[in-house]
Amino acid sequence: MNATAPSSAAQAQQEIVEEFAFFSDWTERYQYLIDLGKQLPAFPEELKIEEYRVHGCQSMVWLVPSGDADNLHFQATSDSAIVSGLIALVLRVYSDRSARDIVATEPRYIEAIGLAKHLSPTRSNGLAAMLAKIKAYAAAALKA
């Protein structure tokens, strides 16, 4: 994983696709997802409030936006190891980007790495809810 953020959301997605291509099966890919989730920055307990909760996820997920339309930053966490890994991927693509980029970026990596086929329906719904919430925050920032 790069220490520096990729210059664009498209580049971040490409890097994710390349990383997952190293693994031959989904057992390894799930383990990698779990490892990515363990690398998420510590999440402040006081931010685990209803306002930041992502509904539609089977597990508990909190997503906190900060910044403005020029640069939106997201912090997120989950009580599930695999969902934490999904969060790590979502943040790589969408955090620290302009609201315009966030709204315009479709999560192509999900299909490209085969996640769409390998997530349970509840995890897929949760991932969709997370992405919708990020895009809603970005759309609101654009209107502000």
C-alpha atoms as a PDB file:
ATOM      1  CA  MET A   1       0.000   0.000   0.000  1.00  0.00           C
ATOM      2  CA  ASN A   2       1.267   3.441  -0.907  1.00  0.00           C
ATOM      3  CA  ALA A   3       2.136   5.889   1.823  1.00  0.00           C
ATOM      4  CA  THR A   4       1.061   8.742  -0.448  1.00  0.00           C
ATOM      5  CA  ALA A   5      -2.491   9.064  -1.635  1.00  0.00           C
ATOM      6  CA  PRO A   6      -3.014   8.323  -5.319  1.00  0.00           C
ATOM      7  CA  SER A   7      -3.394  11.487  -7.381  1.00  0.00           C
ATOM      8  CA  SER A   8      -6.856  10.567  -8.601  1.00  0.00           C
ATOM      9  CA  ALA A   9      -9.782   8.348  -7.747  1.00  0.00           C
ATOM     10  CA  ALA A  10      -9.248   6.512 -11.038  1.00  0.00           C
ATOM     11  CA  GLN A  11      -5.622   5.819 -10.097  1.00  0.00           C
ATOM     12  CA  ALA A  12      -6.691   4.600  -6.637  1.00  0.00           C
ATOM     13  CA  GLN A  13      -9.161   2.199  -8.263  1.00  0.00           C
ATOM     14  CA  GLN A  14      -6.492   0.931 -10.664  1.00  0.00           C
ATOM     15  CA  GLU A  15      -4.103   0.278  -7.762  1.00  0.00           C
ATOM     16  CA  ILE A  16      -6.803  -1.664  -5.904  1.00  0.00           C
ATOM     17  CA  VAL A  17      -7.449  -3.818  -8.998  1.00  0.00           C
ATOM     18  CA  GLU A  18      -3.712  -4.498  -9.360  1.00  0.00           C
ATOM     19  CA  GLU A  19      -3.319  -5.410  -5.669  1.00  0.00           C
ATOM     20  CA  PHE A  20      -6.222  -7.866  -5.751  1.00  0.00           C
ATOM     21  CA  ALA A  21      -4.863  -9.444  -8.946  1.00  0.00           C
ATOM     22  CA  PHE A  22      -1.938 -10.788  -6.867  1.00  0.00           C
ATOM     23  CA  PHE A  23      -4.257 -13.159  -5.018  1.00  0.00           C
ATOM     24  CA  SER A  24      -5.349 -16.331  -6.710  1.00  0.00           C
ATOM     25  CA  ASP A  25      -8.437 -17.088  -4.629  1.00  0.00           C
ATOM     26  CA  TRP A  26     -11.073 -15.416  -2.519  1.00  0.00           C
ATOM     27  CA  THR A  27      -9.765 -16.815   0.760  1.00  0.00           C
ATOM     28  CA  GLU A  28      -6.597 -14.765   0.204  1.00  0.00           C
ATOM     29  CA  ARG A  29      -8.577 -11.738  -0.981  1.00  0.00           C
ATOM     30  CA  TYR A  30     -10.787 -11.812   2.130  1.00  0.00           C
ATOM     31  CA  GLN A  31      -7.679 -12.041   4.308  1.00  0.00           C
ATOM     32  CA  TYR A  32      -6.205  -9.049   2.475  1.00  0.00           C
ATOM     33  CA  LEU A  33      -9.472  -7.125   3.020  1.00  0.00           C
ATOM     34  CA  ILE A  34      -9.321  -7.937   6.735  1.00  0.00           C
ATOM     35  CA  ASP A  35      -5.674  -6.797   6.860  1.00  0.00           C
ATOM     36  CA  LEU A  36      -6.590  -3.514   5.139  1.00  0.00           C
ATOM     37  CA  GLY A  37      -9.352  -2.987   7.683  1.00  0.00           C
ATOM     38  CA  LYS A  38      -6.884  -3.442  10.537  1.00  0.00           C
ATOM     39  CA  GLN A  39      -4.841  -0.546   9.096  1.00  0.00           C
ATOM     40  CA  LEU A  40      -7.693   1.969   9.363  1.00  0.00           C
ATOM     41  CA  PRO A  41      -6.785   4.889  11.626  1.00  0.00           C
ATOM     42  CA  ALA A  42      -8.220   4.783  15.147  1.00  0.00           C
ATOM     43  CA  PHE A  43     -11.798   6.041  15.185  1.00  0.00           C
ATOM     44  CA  PRO A  44     -12.853   8.302  18.071  1.00  0.00           C
ATOM     45  CA  GLU A  45     -15.512   6.665  20.257  1.00  0.00           C
ATOM     46  CA  GLU A  46     -17.354  10.000  20.612  1.00  0.00           C
ATOM     47  CA  LEU A  47     -18.075   9.949  16.854  1.00  0.00           C
ATOM     48  CA  LYS A  48     -19.938   6.638  17.092  1.00  0.00           C
ATOM     49  CA  ILE A  49     -23.283   8.431  17.163  1.00  0.00           C
ATOM     50  CA  GLU A  50     -26.526   7.952  15.270  1.00  0.00           C
ATOM     51  CA  GLU A  51     -25.892  10.997  13.038  1.00  0.00           C
ATOM     52  CA  TYR A  52     -22.867   9.245  11.484  1.00  0.00           C
ATOM     53  CA  ARG A  53     -24.273   5.750  11.343  1.00  0.00           C
ATOM     54  CA  VAL A  54     -24.666   4.178   7.911  1.00  0.00           C
ATOM     55  CA  HIS A  55     -28.003   2.400   7.745  1.00  0.00           C
ATOM     56  CA  GLY A  56     -28.437  -0.555   5.428  1.00  0.00           C
ATOM     57  CA  CYS A  57     -25.371  -2.323   6.782  1.00  0.00           C
ATOM     58  CA  GLN A  58     -25.807  -5.527   8.749  1.00  0.00           C
ATOM     59  CA  SER A  59     -22.818  -4.559  10.876  1.00  0.00           C
ATOM     60  CA  MET A  60     -22.375  -1.234  12.632  1.00  0.00           C
ATOM     61  CA  VAL A  61     -20.722   1.364  10.392  1.00  0.00           C
ATOM     62  CA  TRP A  62     -19.986   5.006  11.122  1.00  0.00           C
ATOM     63  CA  LEU A  63     -18.891   7.497   8.468  1.00  0.00           C
ATOM     64  CA  VAL A  64     -17.813  11.041   9.346  1.00  0.00           C
ATOM     65  CA  PRO A  65     -17.220  13.715   6.697  1.00  0.00           C
ATOM     66  CA  SER A  66     -15.028  16.778   7.133  1.00  0.00           C
ATOM     67  CA  GLY A  67     -13.665  19.464   4.850  1.00  0.00           C
ATOM     68  CA  ASP A  68     -15.453  21.250   2.032  1.00  0.00           C
ATOM     69  CA  ALA A  69     -16.302  20.901  -1.661  1.00  0.00           C
ATOM     70  CA  ASP A  70     -12.633  21.328  -2.619  1.00  0.00           C
ATOM     71  CA  ASN A  71     -11.412  18.525  -0.365  1.00  0.00           C
ATOM     72  CA  LEU A  72     -13.693  16.132   1.481  1.00  0.00           C
ATOM     73  CA  HIS A  73     -12.122  13.829   4.033  1.00  0.00           C
ATOM     74  CA  PHE A  74     -13.872  10.798   5.498  1.00  0.00           C
ATOM     75  CA  GLN A  75     -13.243   8.795   8.658  1.00  0.00           C
ATOM     76  CA  ALA A  76     -15.057   5.517   9.038  1.00  0.00           C
ATOM     77  CA  THR A  77     -15.107   2.345  11.074  1.00  0.00           C
ATOM     78  CA  SER A  78     -17.080  -0.844  11.503  1.00  0.00           C
ATOM     79  CA  ASP A  79     -17.453  -3.588  14.072  1.00  0.00           C
ATOM     80  CA  SER A  80     -16.889  -6.157  11.280  1.00  0.00           C
ATOM     81  CA  ALA A  81     -13.425  -7.124  10.034  1.00  0.00           C
ATOM     82  CA  ILE A  82     -14.454  -7.590   6.403  1.00  0.00           C
ATOM     83  CA  VAL A  83     -16.574  -4.425   6.372  1.00  0.00           C
ATOM     84  CA  SER A  84     -13.600  -2.520   7.813  1.00  0.00           C
ATOM     85  CA  GLY A  85     -11.626  -3.738   4.801  1.00  0.00           C
ATOM     86  CA  LEU A  86     -14.369  -2.554   2.460  1.00  0.00           C
ATOM     87  CA  ILE A  87     -14.230   0.826   4.236  1.00  0.00           C
ATOM     88  CA  ALA A  88     -10.466   0.984   3.684  1.00  0.00           C
ATOM     89  CA  LEU A  89     -11.013   0.521  -0.064  1.00  0.00           C
ATOM     90  CA  VAL A  90     -13.850   3.061  -0.198  1.00  0.00           C
ATOM     91  CA  LEU A  91     -11.736   5.650   1.643  1.00  0.00           C
ATOM     92  CA  ARG A  92      -8.798   5.118  -0.726  1.00  0.00           C
ATOM     93  CA  VAL A  93     -11.024   5.933  -3.669  1.00  0.00           C
ATOM     94  CA  TYR A  94     -13.193   8.700  -2.188  1.00  0.00           C
ATOM     95  CA  SER A  95     -11.505  10.378   0.784  1.00  0.00           C
ATOM     96  CA  ASP A  96      -9.413  13.519   0.287  1.00  0.00           C
ATOM     97  CA  ARG A  97     -10.982  14.269  -3.093  1.00  0.00           C
ATOM     98  CA  SER A  98     -13.068  17.171  -4.341  1.00  0.00           C
ATOM     99  CA  ALA A  99     -16.832  16.796  -4.019  1.00  0.00           C
ATOM    100  CA  ARG A 100     -17.066  17.042  -7.825  1.00  0.00           C
ATOM    101  CA  ASP A 101     -14.660  14.082  -8.229  1.00  0.00           C
ATOM    102  CA  ILE A 102     -16.544  12.058  -5.621  1.00  0.00           C
ATOM    103  CA  VAL A 103     -19.904  12.566  -7.310  1.00  0.00           C
ATOM    104  CA  ALA A 104     -18.417  11.753 -10.743  1.00  0.00           C
ATOM    105  CA  THR A 105     -16.520   8.604  -9.660  1.00  0.00           C
ATOM    106  CA  GLU A 106     -18.271   5.297 -10.083  1.00  0.00           C
ATOM    107  CA  PRO A 107     -16.848   2.472  -7.919  1.00  0.00           C
ATOM    108  CA  ARG A 108     -15.636   0.365 -10.868  1.00  0.00           C
ATOM    109  CA  TYR A 109     -13.129  -1.495  -8.685  1.00  0.00           C
ATOM    110  CA  ILE A 110     -15.980  -3.398  -7.002  1.00  0.00           C
ATOM    111  CA  GLU A 111     -16.809  -5.212 -10.237  1.00  0.00           C
ATOM    112  CA  ALA A 112     -13.198  -5.303 -11.458  1.00  0.00           C
ATOM    113  CA  ILE A 113     -11.892  -7.257  -8.455  1.00  0.00           C
ATOM    114  CA  GLY A 114     -14.932  -9.526  -8.321  1.00  0.00           C
ATOM    115  CA  LEU A 115     -16.281  -8.123  -5.060  1.00  0.00           C
ATOM    116  CA  ALA A 116     -19.759  -7.815  -6.492  1.00  0.00           C
ATOM    117  CA  LYS A 117     -19.934 -11.600  -6.950  1.00  0.00           C
ATOM    118  CA  HIS A 118     -18.297 -12.543  -3.643  1.00  0.00           C
ATOM    119  CA  LEU A 119     -20.072 -10.356  -1.103  1.00  0.00           C
ATOM    120  CA  SER A 120     -23.166 -11.560   0.667  1.00  0.00           C
ATOM    121  CA  PRO A 121     -26.334  -9.603  -0.226  1.00  0.00           C
ATOM    122  CA  THR A 122     -26.276  -7.855   3.162  1.00  0.00           C
ATOM    123  CA  ARG A 123     -22.639  -6.769   2.693  1.00  0.00           C
ATOM    124  CA  SER A 124     -23.393  -5.622  -0.858  1.00  0.00           C
ATOM    125  CA  ASN A 125     -26.321  -3.569   0.474  1.00  0.00           C
ATOM    126  CA  GLY A 126     -24.104  -2.107   3.181  1.00  0.00           C
ATOM    127  CA  LEU A 127     -21.394  -1.189   0.690  1.00  0.00           C
ATOM    128  CA  ALA A 128     -24.022   0.456  -1.545  1.00  0.00           C
ATOM    129  CA  ALA A 129     -25.355   2.382   1.479  1.00  0.00           C
ATOM    130  CA  MET A 130     -21.840   3.576   2.353  1.00  0.00           C
ATOM    131  CA  LEU A 131     -21.188   4.739  -1.205  1.00  0.00           C
ATOM    132  CA  ALA A 132     -24.578   6.478  -1.357  1.00  0.00           C
ATOM    133  CA  LYS A 133     -23.843   8.305   1.901  1.00  0.00           C
ATOM    134  CA  ILE A 134     -20.418   9.466   0.653  1.00  0.00           C
ATOM    135  CA  LYS A 135     -21.969  10.727  -2.588  1.00  0.00           C
ATOM    136  CA  ALA A 136     -24.759  12.455  -0.637  1.00  0.00           C
ATOM    137  CA  TYR A 137     -22.187  14.249   1.553  1.00  0.00           C
ATOM    138  CA  ALA A 138     -20.328  15.320  -1.615  1.00  0.00           C
ATOM    139  CA  ALA A 139     -23.520  16.534  -3.307  1.00  0.00           C
ATOM    140  CA  ALA A 140     -24.398  18.554  -0.186  1.00  0.00           C
ATOM    141  CA  ALA A 141     -20.894  20.070  -0.143  1.00  0.00           C
ATOM    142  CA  LEU A 142     -21.310  21.137  -3.774  1.00  0.00           C
ATOM    143  CA  LYS A 143     -24.576  22.911  -2.925  1.00  0.00           C
ATOM    144  CA  ALA A 144     -23.099  24.650   0.141  1.00  0.00           C
END
